[in-house]
Amino acid sequence: MLLVLVACGSKQKQLDLDLSFQEYYFDRQMGGTQAAGINESYYFRVSNPKIILDQLKVRDQVLELELKEDGLFWATTKMLSKDDYIFSDYNKVELFGHLKGGNTEMHWGLDSVPLREQIFMPSAPPQN
């Protein structure tokens, strides 16, 4: 389910905005030893080039999103220990953004961002 909240004075503006995503997913990176940590990288591509994504909230972490040259927004969570990590193939997230060149702020709630790939990496300690 996609929930969209737009803070804007004009209902006409709200109706004309394309708030859909071309793609969104996350990858899970897992360390190669029992003591190693786990983190996730999230990727979002919006259909409307006027929309800029600023932040991602997943679990208890608020992350700044970066924009790649190909138009993909991404962010990586802090490393967690395997004991603290909750495994899921779909994650609930919140996204915060704005319109390019304007003051219109937006908020999306996505109930099921899918896992694209699980990547096993060399040992990496959890971050405190």
C-alpha atoms as a PDB file:
ATOM      1  CA  MET A   1       0.000   0.000   0.000  1.00  0.00           C
ATOM      2  CA  LEU A   2       1.288   3.452  -0.936  1.00  0.00           C
ATOM      3  CA  LEU A   3       0.232   6.313   1.324  1.00  0.00           C
ATOM      4  CA  VAL A   4       1.021   9.817   0.113  1.00  0.00           C
ATOM      5  CA  LEU A   5       0.641  13.043   2.080  1.00  0.00           C
ATOM      6  CA  VAL A   6       1.290  16.340   0.332  1.00  0.00           C
ATOM      7  CA  ALA A   7       1.562  19.673   2.135  1.00  0.00           C
ATOM      8  CA  CYS A   8       0.368  22.073  -0.536  1.00  0.00           C
ATOM      9  CA  GLY A   9      -2.123  24.933  -0.751  1.00  0.00           C
ATOM     10  CA  SER A  10      -3.499  23.985  -4.160  1.00  0.00           C
ATOM     11  CA  LYS A  11      -5.639  20.890  -4.719  1.00  0.00           C
ATOM     12  CA  GLN A  12      -5.047  21.287  -8.465  1.00  0.00           C
ATOM     13  CA  LYS A  13      -1.288  20.899  -7.920  1.00  0.00           C
ATOM     14  CA  GLN A  14      -1.861  17.737  -5.917  1.00  0.00           C
ATOM     15  CA  LEU A  15      -3.943  16.176  -8.687  1.00  0.00           C
ATOM     16  CA  ASP A  16      -1.371  16.948 -11.399  1.00  0.00           C
ATOM     17  CA  LEU A  17       1.603  15.392  -9.564  1.00  0.00           C
ATOM     18  CA  ASP A  18       2.780  11.936 -10.590  1.00  0.00           C
ATOM     19  CA  LEU A  19       3.765  10.381  -7.251  1.00  0.00           C
ATOM     20  CA  SER A  20       4.518   6.887  -8.510  1.00  0.00           C
ATOM     21  CA  PHE A  21       7.798   4.991  -8.360  1.00  0.00           C
ATOM     22  CA  GLN A  22       9.453   3.308 -11.341  1.00  0.00           C
ATOM     23  CA  GLU A  23      11.201   0.951  -8.935  1.00  0.00           C
ATOM     24  CA  TYR A  24      12.006   0.485  -5.275  1.00  0.00           C
ATOM     25  CA  TYR A  25      13.785  -2.314  -3.416  1.00  0.00           C
ATOM     26  CA  PHE A  26      16.456  -3.079  -0.831  1.00  0.00           C
ATOM     27  CA  ASP A  27      19.565  -5.264  -0.714  1.00  0.00           C
ATOM     28  CA  ARG A  28      20.712  -6.999   2.470  1.00  0.00           C
ATOM     29  CA  GLN A  29      24.477  -7.153   3.133  1.00  0.00           C
ATOM     30  CA  MET A  30      25.552  -9.863   5.594  1.00  0.00           C
ATOM     31  CA  GLY A  31      28.997 -10.296   7.121  1.00  0.00           C
ATOM     32  CA  GLY A  32      30.745 -13.613   6.639  1.00  0.00           C
ATOM     33  CA  THR A  33      31.141 -14.589  10.313  1.00  0.00           C
ATOM     34  CA  GLN A  34      28.776 -15.019  13.261  1.00  0.00           C
ATOM     35  CA  ALA A  35      30.178 -11.859  14.886  1.00  0.00           C
ATOM     36  CA  ALA A  36      29.736  -9.824  11.684  1.00  0.00           C
ATOM     37  CA  GLY A  37      26.864  -7.408  11.225  1.00  0.00           C
ATOM     38  CA  ILE A  38      24.018  -6.941   8.762  1.00  0.00           C
ATOM     39  CA  ASN A  39      22.863  -3.783   7.001  1.00  0.00           C
ATOM     40  CA  GLU A  40      20.494  -2.833   4.193  1.00  0.00           C
ATOM     41  CA  SER A  41      20.779  -0.526   1.187  1.00  0.00           C
ATOM     42  CA  TYR A  42      17.550   0.998  -0.125  1.00  0.00           C
ATOM     43  CA  TYR A  43      16.949   2.218  -3.687  1.00  0.00           C
ATOM     44  CA  PHE A  44      14.109   4.362  -5.072  1.00  0.00           C
ATOM     45  CA  ARG A  45      13.482   5.747  -8.562  1.00  0.00           C
ATOM     46  CA  VAL A  46      10.553   8.163  -8.880  1.00  0.00           C
ATOM     47  CA  SER A  47       8.576   8.584 -12.102  1.00  0.00           C
ATOM     48  CA  ASN A  48       8.368  12.367 -11.825  1.00  0.00           C
ATOM     49  CA  PRO A  49      11.799  14.071 -12.173  1.00  0.00           C
ATOM     50  CA  LYS A  50      10.454  17.098 -10.245  1.00  0.00           C
ATOM     51  CA  ILE A  51      10.268  15.039  -7.033  1.00  0.00           C
ATOM     52  CA  ILE A  52      13.378  15.011  -4.827  1.00  0.00           C
ATOM     53  CA  LEU A  53      13.623  12.391  -2.074  1.00  0.00           C
ATOM     54  CA  ASP A  54      15.398  13.679   1.031  1.00  0.00           C
ATOM     55  CA  GLN A  55      15.096  11.119   3.818  1.00  0.00           C
ATOM     56  CA  LEU A  56      14.199   7.506   4.477  1.00  0.00           C
ATOM     57  CA  LYS A  57      12.907   6.171   7.795  1.00  0.00           C
ATOM     58  CA  VAL A  58      13.237   2.421   8.279  1.00  0.00           C
ATOM     59  CA  ARG A  59      12.775   0.793  11.676  1.00  0.00           C
ATOM     60  CA  ASP A  60      14.282   3.346  14.109  1.00  0.00           C
ATOM     61  CA  GLN A  61      16.781   4.867  11.671  1.00  0.00           C
ATOM     62  CA  VAL A  62      16.321   8.101   9.705  1.00  0.00           C
ATOM     63  CA  LEU A  63      18.725   8.185   6.752  1.00  0.00           C
ATOM     64  CA  GLU A  64      19.666  10.926   4.293  1.00  0.00           C
ATOM     65  CA  LEU A  65      19.046   9.782   0.721  1.00  0.00           C
ATOM     66  CA  GLU A  66      21.680  10.426  -1.939  1.00  0.00           C
ATOM     67  CA  LEU A  67      20.989  10.836  -5.653  1.00  0.00           C
ATOM     68  CA  LYS A  68      23.045   8.848  -8.155  1.00  0.00           C
ATOM     69  CA  GLU A  69      23.718  10.208 -11.658  1.00  0.00           C
ATOM     70  CA  ASP A  70      21.216   7.724 -13.127  1.00  0.00           C
ATOM     71  CA  GLY A  71      18.341   9.174 -11.054  1.00  0.00           C
ATOM     72  CA  LEU A  72      18.317   6.491  -8.360  1.00  0.00           C
ATOM     73  CA  PHE A  73      17.990   7.656  -4.744  1.00  0.00           C
ATOM     74  CA  TRP A  74      19.745   5.428  -2.195  1.00  0.00           C
ATOM     75  CA  ALA A  75      20.730   5.105   1.461  1.00  0.00           C
ATOM     76  CA  THR A  76      22.371   2.437   3.635  1.00  0.00           C
ATOM     77  CA  THR A  77      21.393   1.586   7.205  1.00  0.00           C
ATOM     78  CA  LYS A  78      23.840   1.261  10.084  1.00  0.00           C
ATOM     79  CA  MET A  79      25.312  -2.186  10.664  1.00  0.00           C
ATOM     80  CA  LEU A  80      23.362  -4.278  13.207  1.00  0.00           C
ATOM     81  CA  SER A  81      24.355  -7.496  14.958  1.00  0.00           C
ATOM     82  CA  LYS A  82      22.611 -10.662  13.777  1.00  0.00           C
ATOM     83  CA  ASP A  83      20.944 -10.863  17.212  1.00  0.00           C
ATOM     84  CA  ASP A  84      19.354  -7.403  16.782  1.00  0.00           C
ATOM     85  CA  TYR A  85      18.382  -7.773  13.118  1.00  0.00           C
ATOM     86  CA  ILE A  86      14.825  -8.745  12.107  1.00  0.00           C
ATOM     87  CA  PHE A  87      14.812 -10.773   8.871  1.00  0.00           C
ATOM     88  CA  SER A  88      12.065  -9.907   6.386  1.00  0.00           C
ATOM     89  CA  ASP A  89      11.703 -10.062   2.604  1.00  0.00           C
ATOM     90  CA  TYR A  90       9.505  -6.932   2.674  1.00  0.00           C
ATOM     91  CA  ASN A  91      10.096  -3.843   4.820  1.00  0.00           C
ATOM     92  CA  LYS A  92       7.837  -0.955   5.779  1.00  0.00           C
ATOM     93  CA  VAL A  93       9.457   2.465   5.237  1.00  0.00           C
ATOM     94  CA  GLU A  94       8.633   6.157   5.207  1.00  0.00           C
ATOM     95  CA  LEU A  95      10.040   8.583   2.635  1.00  0.00           C
ATOM     96  CA  PHE A  96      10.245  12.357   2.885  1.00  0.00           C
ATOM     97  CA  GLY A  97      10.824  14.641  -0.085  1.00  0.00           C
ATOM     98  CA  HIS A  98       9.997  17.900  -1.821  1.00  0.00           C
ATOM     99  CA  LEU A  99       9.343  19.356  -5.259  1.00  0.00           C
ATOM    100  CA  LYS A 100      12.381  20.625  -7.133  1.00  0.00           C
ATOM    101  CA  GLY A 101      12.496  24.425  -6.937  1.00  0.00           C
ATOM    102  CA  GLY A 102       9.555  24.668  -4.551  1.00  0.00           C
ATOM    103  CA  ASN A 103       8.450  24.485  -0.951  1.00  0.00           C
ATOM    104  CA  THR A 104       6.014  21.583  -1.343  1.00  0.00           C
ATOM    105  CA  GLU A 105       6.953  18.861   1.142  1.00  0.00           C
ATOM    106  CA  MET A 106       5.790  15.274   0.680  1.00  0.00           C
ATOM    107  CA  HIS A 107       5.638  12.109   2.753  1.00  0.00           C
ATOM    108  CA  TRP A 108       5.186   8.551   1.462  1.00  0.00           C
ATOM    109  CA  GLY A 109       4.457   5.441   3.483  1.00  0.00           C
ATOM    110  CA  LEU A 110       5.391   2.200   1.719  1.00  0.00           C
ATOM    111  CA  ASP A 111       4.198  -1.003   3.386  1.00  0.00           C
ATOM    112  CA  SER A 112       6.224  -3.513   1.394  1.00  0.00           C
ATOM    113  CA  VAL A 113       9.583  -2.562  -0.114  1.00  0.00           C
ATOM    114  CA  PRO A 114      10.843  -5.906  -1.498  1.00  0.00           C
ATOM    115  CA  LEU A 115      14.211  -7.556  -0.911  1.00  0.00           C
ATOM    116  CA  ARG A 116      16.050  -7.703  -4.248  1.00  0.00           C
ATOM    117  CA  GLU A 117      19.273  -9.434  -3.249  1.00  0.00           C
ATOM    118  CA  GLN A 118      21.053 -10.854  -0.215  1.00  0.00           C
ATOM    119  CA  ILE A 119      24.803 -10.222  -0.433  1.00  0.00           C
ATOM    120  CA  PHE A 120      27.342 -12.103   1.686  1.00  0.00           C
ATOM    121  CA  MET A 121      30.403 -10.005   2.476  1.00  0.00           C
ATOM    122  CA  PRO A 122      33.681 -10.422   4.347  1.00  0.00           C
ATOM    123  CA  SER A 123      33.555  -9.845   8.084  1.00  0.00           C
ATOM    124  CA  ALA A 124      32.255  -6.426   9.112  1.00  0.00           C
ATOM    125  CA  PRO A 125      31.643  -5.535  12.788  1.00  0.00           C
ATOM    126  CA  PRO A 126      28.313  -4.031  13.906  1.00  0.00           C
ATOM    127  CA  GLN A 127      28.247  -0.238  14.373  1.00  0.00           C
ATOM    128  CA  ASN A 128      27.216   1.137  17.758  1.00  0.00           C
END
